[in-house]
Amino acid sequence: MVRTGFLTARTATQTDNTMLTDFNFRIIMEYLPLFLTGLKSTFFISIVSILLALATGIIACAARISGIRAIKYPAIAYIEIVRSTPLLVQIYFLYFGLPTLGIRIPELQTGILALMLNSGAYISEIIRAGINSVDEGQLEAGVASGLSYLQRMRFIILPQALGVTVPPLLGQAIVLVKDSALLSLISVMELTRCGQTMTSERFMPAEAFFTVAFFYMCIYFALKALADWSQKKLIFREAY
């Protein structure tokens, strides 16, 4: 039994060494320009989608908390429909469904639109939660002071809601960057699509998706560092 266990451990060690030996870093360097192009595309898609999603979320939140039914209920319907369906289904609906309705959008714009609508619904709820966290007594004090609705939003609600919403907003940005990998399914040339291209050409999935994962981890830790930095700044201001 001891001899068998020793042979098993030795075989496993030899297998691990063989895997490391067979891992071809030269091919990774050969495809590095392709991955850098995919990284730039992922950055572009993510930044544009985040900015558009932020604008969409603010508008949807303002519509949902308003007392005007004509815009309140469509905003609620948009938020609940998006949050109750998978992002992949939304991408496929926009990519395959819209052309059947006579609306044709290129792959890149379709992907950005899907990410914008998906994240916008979640951002809307994040902002609404931040606004609802403000104590009602402060709002009543603003009304008693004669401040208008816009003045109350500017001087009382939004400054306090900012400290609550910034960390989850940055978390949603991280989620959006990772969700952009789904755009490879509609042939958008981003990081994951580059890994698929390398796999189809050289059949080296380990090297391809190791490189993809490495670049996503770099983006993740950069955004995480930004989130930690912003949270410390907000805590410092609050304590001050």
C-alpha atoms as a PDB file:
ATOM      1  CA  MET A   1       0.000   0.000   0.000  1.00  0.00           C
ATOM      2  CA  VAL A   2       2.841   2.389   0.906  1.00  0.00           C
ATOM      3  CA  ARG A   3       4.670   1.468  -2.310  1.00  0.00           C
ATOM      4  CA  THR A   4       1.504   2.047  -4.367  1.00  0.00           C
ATOM      5  CA  GLY A   5       0.925   5.434  -2.744  1.00  0.00           C
ATOM      6  CA  PHE A   6       4.536   6.429  -3.445  1.00  0.00           C
ATOM      7  CA  LEU A   7       4.204   5.457  -7.108  1.00  0.00           C
ATOM      8  CA  THR A   8       0.921   7.374  -7.401  1.00  0.00           C
ATOM      9  CA  ALA A   9       2.461  10.535  -5.903  1.00  0.00           C
ATOM     10  CA  ARG A  10       5.509  10.163  -8.157  1.00  0.00           C
ATOM     11  CA  THR A  11       3.310   9.726 -11.227  1.00  0.00           C
ATOM     12  CA  ALA A  12       1.286  12.821 -10.301  1.00  0.00           C
ATOM     13  CA  THR A  13       4.499  14.857  -9.859  1.00  0.00           C
ATOM     14  CA  GLN A  14       5.793  13.689 -13.239  1.00  0.00           C
ATOM     15  CA  THR A  15       2.459  14.603 -14.844  1.00  0.00           C
ATOM     16  CA  ASP A  16       2.581  18.109 -13.327  1.00  0.00           C
ATOM     17  CA  ASN A  17       6.152  18.590 -14.550  1.00  0.00           C
ATOM     18  CA  THR A  18       5.138  17.403 -18.023  1.00  0.00           C
ATOM     19  CA  MET A  19       2.229  19.863 -18.084  1.00  0.00           C
ATOM     20  CA  LEU A  20       4.543  22.733 -17.144  1.00  0.00           C
ATOM     21  CA  THR A  21       7.045  21.623 -19.779  1.00  0.00           C
ATOM     22  CA  ASP A  22       4.358  21.352 -22.456  1.00  0.00           C
ATOM     23  CA  PHE A  23       2.939  24.780 -21.633  1.00  0.00           C
ATOM     24  CA  ASN A  24       4.060  26.828 -24.634  1.00  0.00           C
ATOM     25  CA  PHE A  25       4.863  30.408 -23.647  1.00  0.00           C
ATOM     26  CA  ARG A  26       6.328  31.044 -27.113  1.00  0.00           C
ATOM     27  CA  ILE A  27       2.883  30.715 -28.673  1.00  0.00           C
ATOM     28  CA  ILE A  28       1.500  33.163 -26.106  1.00  0.00           C
ATOM     29  CA  MET A  29       4.158  35.705 -27.104  1.00  0.00           C
ATOM     30  CA  GLU A  30       3.333  35.077 -30.758  1.00  0.00           C
ATOM     31  CA  TYR A  31      -0.336  35.871 -30.144  1.00  0.00           C
ATOM     32  CA  LEU A  32       0.360  38.692 -27.685  1.00  0.00           C
ATOM     33  CA  PRO A  33      -0.446  41.462 -30.238  1.00  0.00           C
ATOM     34  CA  LEU A  34      -3.846  39.848 -30.797  1.00  0.00           C
ATOM     35  CA  PHE A  35      -4.503  39.733 -27.047  1.00  0.00           C
ATOM     36  CA  LEU A  36      -3.418  43.355 -26.630  1.00  0.00           C
ATOM     37  CA  THR A  37      -5.887  44.314 -29.367  1.00  0.00           C
ATOM     38  CA  GLY A  38      -8.571  42.373 -27.514  1.00  0.00           C
ATOM     39  CA  LEU A  39      -7.593  44.100 -24.271  1.00  0.00           C
ATOM     40  CA  LYS A  40      -7.991  47.520 -25.896  1.00  0.00           C
ATOM     41  CA  SER A  41     -11.365  46.464 -27.272  1.00  0.00           C
ATOM     42  CA  THR A  42     -12.476  45.222 -23.847  1.00  0.00           C
ATOM     43  CA  PHE A  43     -11.407  48.523 -22.274  1.00  0.00           C
ATOM     44  CA  PHE A  44     -13.274  50.514 -24.917  1.00  0.00           C
ATOM     45  CA  ILE A  45     -16.431  48.413 -24.609  1.00  0.00           C
ATOM     46  CA  SER A  46     -16.320  48.534 -20.817  1.00  0.00           C
ATOM     47  CA  ILE A  47     -15.723  52.275 -20.490  1.00  0.00           C
ATOM     48  CA  VAL A  48     -18.401  53.245 -23.022  1.00  0.00           C
ATOM     49  CA  SER A  49     -20.875  50.765 -21.541  1.00  0.00           C
ATOM     50  CA  ILE A  50     -20.231  51.939 -17.975  1.00  0.00           C
ATOM     51  CA  LEU A  51     -20.737  55.609 -18.876  1.00  0.00           C
ATOM     52  CA  LEU A  52     -23.916  54.883 -20.829  1.00  0.00           C
ATOM     53  CA  ALA A  53     -25.172  52.550 -18.089  1.00  0.00           C
ATOM     54  CA  LEU A  54     -24.567  55.243 -15.470  1.00  0.00           C
ATOM     55  CA  ALA A  55     -26.606  57.745 -17.481  1.00  0.00           C
ATOM     56  CA  THR A  56     -29.322  55.134 -18.067  1.00  0.00           C
ATOM     57  CA  GLY A  57     -29.386  54.229 -14.376  1.00  0.00           C
ATOM     58  CA  ILE A  58     -29.702  57.844 -13.265  1.00  0.00           C
ATOM     59  CA  ILE A  59     -32.578  58.458 -15.684  1.00  0.00           C
ATOM     60  CA  ALA A  60     -34.347  55.224 -14.736  1.00  0.00           C
ATOM     61  CA  CYS A  61     -33.924  55.963 -11.028  1.00  0.00           C
ATOM     62  CA  ALA A  62     -35.268  59.505 -11.426  1.00  0.00           C
ATOM     63  CA  ALA A  63     -38.242  58.146 -13.365  1.00  0.00           C
ATOM     64  CA  ARG A  64     -38.941  55.420 -10.803  1.00  0.00           C
ATOM     65  CA  ILE A  65     -38.938  57.690  -7.748  1.00  0.00           C
ATOM     66  CA  SER A  66     -40.982  60.378  -9.480  1.00  0.00           C
ATOM     67  CA  GLY A  67     -44.699  60.692  -8.904  1.00  0.00           C
ATOM     68  CA  ILE A  68     -45.509  60.800 -12.617  1.00  0.00           C
ATOM     69  CA  ARG A  69     -47.127  57.488 -13.540  1.00  0.00           C
ATOM     70  CA  ALA A  70     -46.433  57.887 -17.260  1.00  0.00           C
ATOM     71  CA  ILE A  71     -42.683  57.525 -16.633  1.00  0.00           C
ATOM     72  CA  LYS A  72     -42.667  55.705 -13.281  1.00  0.00           C
ATOM     73  CA  TYR A  73     -44.277  52.451 -14.411  1.00  0.00           C
ATOM     74  CA  PRO A  74     -42.282  52.083 -17.672  1.00  0.00           C
ATOM     75  CA  ALA A  75     -39.117  52.577 -15.586  1.00  0.00           C
ATOM     76  CA  ILE A  76     -40.236  49.893 -13.123  1.00  0.00           C
ATOM     77  CA  ALA A  77     -41.046  47.530 -16.009  1.00  0.00           C
ATOM     78  CA  TYR A  78     -37.619  48.099 -17.604  1.00  0.00           C
ATOM     79  CA  ILE A  79     -35.758  47.506 -14.331  1.00  0.00           C
ATOM     80  CA  GLU A  80     -37.669  44.387 -13.366  1.00  0.00           C
ATOM     81  CA  ILE A  81     -37.562  42.801 -16.837  1.00  0.00           C
ATOM     82  CA  VAL A  82     -33.824  43.315 -17.183  1.00  0.00           C
ATOM     83  CA  ARG A  83     -33.040  42.085 -13.663  1.00  0.00           C
ATOM     84  CA  SER A  84     -35.202  38.979 -14.062  1.00  0.00           C
ATOM     85  CA  THR A  85     -33.636  37.748 -17.323  1.00  0.00           C
ATOM     86  CA  PRO A  86     -30.060  36.539 -18.025  1.00  0.00           C
ATOM     87  CA  LEU A  87     -27.676  38.866 -19.827  1.00  0.00           C
ATOM     88  CA  LEU A  88     -26.996  36.204 -22.467  1.00  0.00           C
ATOM     89  CA  VAL A  89     -30.708  36.078 -23.340  1.00  0.00           C
ATOM     90  CA  GLN A  90     -30.736  39.870 -23.662  1.00  0.00           C
ATOM     91  CA  ILE A  91     -27.700  39.788 -25.957  1.00  0.00           C
ATOM     92  CA  TYR A  92     -29.277  37.128 -28.158  1.00  0.00           C
ATOM     93  CA  PHE A  93     -32.567  39.014 -28.281  1.00  0.00           C
ATOM     94  CA  LEU A  94     -30.860  42.199 -29.452  1.00  0.00           C
ATOM     95  CA  TYR A  95     -28.557  40.381 -31.886  1.00  0.00           C
ATOM     96  CA  PHE A  96     -30.982  37.866 -33.394  1.00  0.00           C
ATOM     97  CA  GLY A  97     -34.366  39.321 -32.472  1.00  0.00           C
ATOM     98  CA  LEU A  98     -34.047  42.932 -33.596  1.00  0.00           C
ATOM     99  CA  PRO A  99     -33.162  42.061 -37.236  1.00  0.00           C
ATOM    100  CA  THR A 100     -36.447  40.154 -37.509  1.00  0.00           C
ATOM    101  CA  LEU A 101     -38.168  43.426 -36.557  1.00  0.00           C
ATOM    102  CA  GLY A 102     -36.262  45.310 -39.253  1.00  0.00           C
ATOM    103  CA  ILE A 103     -33.689  46.832 -36.876  1.00  0.00           C
ATOM    104  CA  ARG A 104     -30.095  45.929 -37.741  1.00  0.00           C
ATOM    105  CA  ILE A 105     -27.232  46.966 -35.444  1.00  0.00           C
ATOM    106  CA  PRO A 106     -23.564  45.941 -35.840  1.00  0.00           C
ATOM    107  CA  GLU A 107     -22.150  43.431 -33.375  1.00  0.00           C
ATOM    108  CA  LEU A 108     -20.082  45.916 -31.350  1.00  0.00           C
ATOM    109  CA  GLN A 109     -22.952  48.373 -30.914  1.00  0.00           C
ATOM    110  CA  THR A 110     -25.294  45.496 -30.045  1.00  0.00           C
ATOM    111  CA  GLY A 111     -22.931  44.334 -27.315  1.00  0.00           C
ATOM    112  CA  ILE A 112     -22.542  47.825 -25.865  1.00  0.00           C
ATOM    113  CA  LEU A 113     -26.322  48.318 -25.942  1.00  0.00           C
ATOM    114  CA  ALA A 114     -26.894  45.023 -24.104  1.00  0.00           C
ATOM    115  CA  LEU A 115     -24.311  45.832 -21.418  1.00  0.00           C
ATOM    116  CA  MET A 116     -25.695  49.359 -21.052  1.00  0.00           C
ATOM    117  CA  LEU A 117     -29.289  48.223 -20.568  1.00  0.00           C
ATOM    118  CA  ASN A 118     -28.326  45.381 -18.243  1.00  0.00           C
ATOM    119  CA  SER A 119     -26.030  47.378 -15.958  1.00  0.00           C
ATOM    120  CA  GLY A 120     -28.274  50.445 -16.139  1.00  0.00           C
ATOM    121  CA  ALA A 121     -31.069  48.541 -14.383  1.00  0.00           C
ATOM    122  CA  TYR A 122     -28.768  47.490 -11.537  1.00  0.00           C
ATOM    123  CA  ILE A 123     -27.192  50.938 -11.266  1.00  0.00           C
ATOM    124  CA  SER A 124     -30.677  52.446 -11.014  1.00  0.00           C
ATOM    125  CA  GLU A 125     -31.409  50.314  -7.955  1.00  0.00           C
ATOM    126  CA  ILE A 126     -28.018  51.120  -6.414  1.00  0.00           C
ATOM    127  CA  ILE A 127     -28.667  54.850  -6.752  1.00  0.00           C
ATOM    128  CA  ARG A 128     -32.227  54.479  -5.443  1.00  0.00           C
ATOM    129  CA  ALA A 129     -30.932  52.620  -2.391  1.00  0.00           C
ATOM    130  CA  GLY A 130     -28.430  55.415  -1.772  1.00  0.00           C
ATOM    131  CA  ILE A 131     -31.138  58.070  -2.004  1.00  0.00           C
ATOM    132  CA  ASN A 132     -33.446  56.119   0.305  1.00  0.00           C
ATOM    133  CA  SER A 133     -30.650  55.838   2.876  1.00  0.00           C
ATOM    134  CA  VAL A 134     -30.792  59.594   3.539  1.00  0.00           C
ATOM    135  CA  ASP A 135     -32.681  60.347   6.732  1.00  0.00           C
ATOM    136  CA  GLU A 136     -36.155  61.781   6.143  1.00  0.00           C
ATOM    137  CA  GLY A 137     -35.611  64.315   8.897  1.00  0.00           C
ATOM    138  CA  GLN A 138     -32.973  66.036   6.761  1.00  0.00           C
ATOM    139  CA  LEU A 139     -35.391  66.214   3.834  1.00  0.00           C
ATOM    140  CA  GLU A 140     -38.031  67.741   6.084  1.00  0.00           C
ATOM    141  CA  ALA A 141     -35.458  70.263   7.304  1.00  0.00           C
ATOM    142  CA  GLY A 142     -34.695  71.152   3.692  1.00  0.00           C
ATOM    143  CA  VAL A 143     -38.384  71.673   2.965  1.00  0.00           C
ATOM    144  CA  ALA A 144     -38.727  73.800   6.098  1.00  0.00           C
ATOM    145  CA  SER A 145     -35.750  75.877   4.958  1.00  0.00           C
ATOM    146  CA  GLY A 146     -37.515  76.651   1.698  1.00  0.00           C
ATOM    147  CA  LEU A 147     -35.248  74.588  -0.559  1.00  0.00           C
ATOM    148  CA  SER A 148     -36.709  73.427  -3.858  1.00  0.00           C
ATOM    149  CA  TYR A 149     -36.669  69.773  -4.962  1.00  0.00           C
ATOM    150  CA  LEU A 150     -33.561  70.278  -7.105  1.00  0.00           C
ATOM    151  CA  GLN A 151     -31.811  72.153  -4.310  1.00  0.00           C
ATOM    152  CA  ARG A 152     -32.613  69.361  -1.838  1.00  0.00           C
ATOM    153  CA  MET A 153     -31.230  66.816  -4.294  1.00  0.00           C
ATOM    154  CA  ARG A 154     -28.079  68.846  -4.884  1.00  0.00           C
ATOM    155  CA  PHE A 155     -27.222  69.963  -1.353  1.00  0.00           C
ATOM    156  CA  ILE A 156     -28.727  67.256   0.892  1.00  0.00           C
ATOM    157  CA  ILE A 157     -29.508  63.981  -0.870  1.00  0.00           C
ATOM    158  CA  LEU A 158     -26.822  63.454  -3.523  1.00  0.00           C
ATOM    159  CA  PRO A 159     -23.748  64.355  -1.388  1.00  0.00           C
ATOM    160  CA  GLN A 160     -24.786  61.788   1.231  1.00  0.00           C
ATOM    161  CA  ALA A 161     -25.942  59.187  -1.279  1.00  0.00           C
ATOM    162  CA  LEU A 162     -22.556  59.407  -3.028  1.00  0.00           C
ATOM    163  CA  GLY A 163     -20.717  57.829  -0.112  1.00  0.00           C
ATOM    164  CA  VAL A 164     -23.139  54.904  -0.100  1.00  0.00           C
ATOM    165  CA  THR A 165     -23.293  54.295  -3.844  1.00  0.00           C
ATOM    166  CA  VAL A 166     -19.683  54.643  -5.020  1.00  0.00           C
ATOM    167  CA  PRO A 167     -18.405  51.243  -3.705  1.00  0.00           C
ATOM    168  CA  PRO A 168     -21.322  49.204  -5.172  1.00  0.00           C
ATOM    169  CA  LEU A 169     -21.114  51.195  -8.411  1.00  0.00           C
ATOM    170  CA  LEU A 170     -17.462  50.249  -8.787  1.00  0.00           C
ATOM    171  CA  GLY A 171     -18.436  46.659  -7.981  1.00  0.00           C
ATOM    172  CA  GLN A 172     -21.008  46.799 -10.769  1.00  0.00           C
ATOM    173  CA  ALA A 173     -18.309  48.134 -13.090  1.00  0.00           C
ATOM    174  CA  ILE A 174     -16.192  45.062 -12.294  1.00  0.00           C
ATOM    175  CA  VAL A 175     -19.164  42.814 -13.057  1.00  0.00           C
ATOM    176  CA  LEU A 176     -19.713  44.610 -16.372  1.00  0.00           C
ATOM    177  CA  VAL A 177     -16.093  44.091 -17.429  1.00  0.00           C
ATOM    178  CA  LYS A 178     -16.374  40.350 -16.778  1.00  0.00           C
ATOM    179  CA  ASP A 179     -19.780  40.182 -18.469  1.00  0.00           C
ATOM    180  CA  SER A 180     -18.243  41.678 -21.609  1.00  0.00           C
ATOM    181  CA  ALA A 181     -16.781  38.198 -22.233  1.00  0.00           C
ATOM    182  CA  LEU A 182     -20.268  37.106 -23.337  1.00  0.00           C
ATOM    183  CA  LEU A 183     -19.943  39.364 -26.387  1.00  0.00           C
ATOM    184  CA  SER A 184     -17.560  36.794 -27.846  1.00  0.00           C
ATOM    185  CA  LEU A 185     -20.671  34.713 -28.586  1.00  0.00           C
ATOM    186  CA  ILE A 186     -21.777  37.301 -31.154  1.00  0.00           C
ATOM    187  CA  SER A 187     -18.270  37.554 -32.679  1.00  0.00           C
ATOM    188  CA  VAL A 188     -17.176  40.791 -30.993  1.00  0.00           C
ATOM    189  CA  MET A 189     -13.375  40.755 -30.993  1.00  0.00           C
ATOM    190  CA  GLU A 190     -12.565  41.199 -27.300  1.00  0.00           C
ATOM    191  CA  LEU A 191     -10.348  39.243 -24.897  1.00  0.00           C
ATOM    192  CA  THR A 192     -12.355  36.025 -24.757  1.00  0.00           C
ATOM    193  CA  ARG A 193     -12.832  36.022 -28.530  1.00  0.00           C
ATOM    194  CA  CYS A 194      -9.049  36.303 -28.919  1.00  0.00           C
ATOM    195  CA  GLY A 195      -8.674  33.210 -26.747  1.00  0.00           C
ATOM    196  CA  GLN A 196     -11.191  31.378 -28.916  1.00  0.00           C
ATOM    197  CA  THR A 197      -9.304  32.446 -32.041  1.00  0.00           C
ATOM    198  CA  MET A 198      -5.992  31.145 -30.702  1.00  0.00           C
ATOM    199  CA  THR A 199      -7.637  27.875 -29.649  1.00  0.00           C
ATOM    200  CA  SER A 200      -9.189  27.319 -33.073  1.00  0.00           C
ATOM    201  CA  GLU A 201      -5.941  28.081 -34.894  1.00  0.00           C
ATOM    202  CA  ARG A 202      -3.419  26.282 -32.655  1.00  0.00           C
ATOM    203  CA  PHE A 203      -5.650  24.106 -30.436  1.00  0.00           C
ATOM    204  CA  MET A 204      -3.953  25.302 -27.262  1.00  0.00           C
ATOM    205  CA  PRO A 205      -6.856  26.100 -24.916  1.00  0.00           C
ATOM    206  CA  ALA A 206      -4.674  26.071 -21.782  1.00  0.00           C
ATOM    207  CA  GLU A 207      -2.329  28.752 -23.109  1.00  0.00           C
ATOM    208  CA  ALA A 208      -5.155  30.740 -24.704  1.00  0.00           C
ATOM    209  CA  PHE A 209      -7.473  30.976 -21.744  1.00  0.00           C
ATOM    210  CA  PHE A 210      -4.655  31.274 -19.219  1.00  0.00           C
ATOM    211  CA  THR A 211      -3.692  34.480 -21.044  1.00  0.00           C
ATOM    212  CA  VAL A 212      -7.317  35.644 -21.153  1.00  0.00           C
ATOM    213  CA  ALA A 213      -7.718  34.984 -17.424  1.00  0.00           C
ATOM    214  CA  PHE A 214      -4.460  36.821 -16.677  1.00  0.00           C
ATOM    215  CA  PHE A 215      -5.622  39.985 -18.455  1.00  0.00           C
ATOM    216  CA  TYR A 216      -9.050  39.866 -16.773  1.00  0.00           C
ATOM    217  CA  MET A 217      -7.334  39.516 -13.405  1.00  0.00           C
ATOM    218  CA  CYS A 218      -5.214  42.590 -14.167  1.00  0.00           C
ATOM    219  CA  ILE A 219      -8.349  44.599 -14.960  1.00  0.00           C
ATOM    220  CA  TYR A 220     -10.097  43.255 -11.862  1.00  0.00           C
ATOM    221  CA  PHE A 221      -7.289  44.165  -9.456  1.00  0.00           C
ATOM    222  CA  ALA A 222      -6.951  47.631 -11.034  1.00  0.00           C
ATOM    223  CA  LEU A 223     -10.668  48.306 -10.508  1.00  0.00           C
ATOM    224  CA  LYS A 224     -10.544  46.773  -7.023  1.00  0.00           C
ATOM    225  CA  ALA A 225      -7.666  49.067  -6.086  1.00  0.00           C
ATOM    226  CA  LEU A 226      -9.679  52.025  -7.373  1.00  0.00           C
ATOM    227  CA  ALA A 227     -12.688  50.892  -5.306  1.00  0.00           C
ATOM    228  CA  ASP A 228     -10.574  50.527  -2.147  1.00  0.00           C
ATOM    229  CA  TRP A 229      -8.960  53.916  -2.707  1.00  0.00           C
ATOM    230  CA  SER A 230     -12.284  55.677  -3.244  1.00  0.00           C
ATOM    231  CA  GLN A 231     -13.794  54.011  -0.184  1.00  0.00           C
ATOM    232  CA  LYS A 232     -10.899  55.193   2.001  1.00  0.00           C
ATOM    233  CA  LYS A 233     -11.275  58.726   0.651  1.00  0.00           C
ATOM    234  CA  LEU A 234     -15.007  58.724   1.373  1.00  0.00           C
ATOM    235  CA  ILE A 235     -14.459  57.374   4.889  1.00  0.00           C
ATOM    236  CA  PHE A 236     -11.808  60.034   5.516  1.00  0.00           C
ATOM    237  CA  ARG A 237     -14.126  62.822   4.405  1.00  0.00           C
ATOM    238  CA  GLU A 238     -16.939  61.441   6.511  1.00  0.00           C
ATOM    239  CA  ALA A 239     -14.731  61.231   9.582  1.00  0.00           C
ATOM    240  CA  TYR A 240     -13.402  64.700   8.936  1.00  0.00           C
END
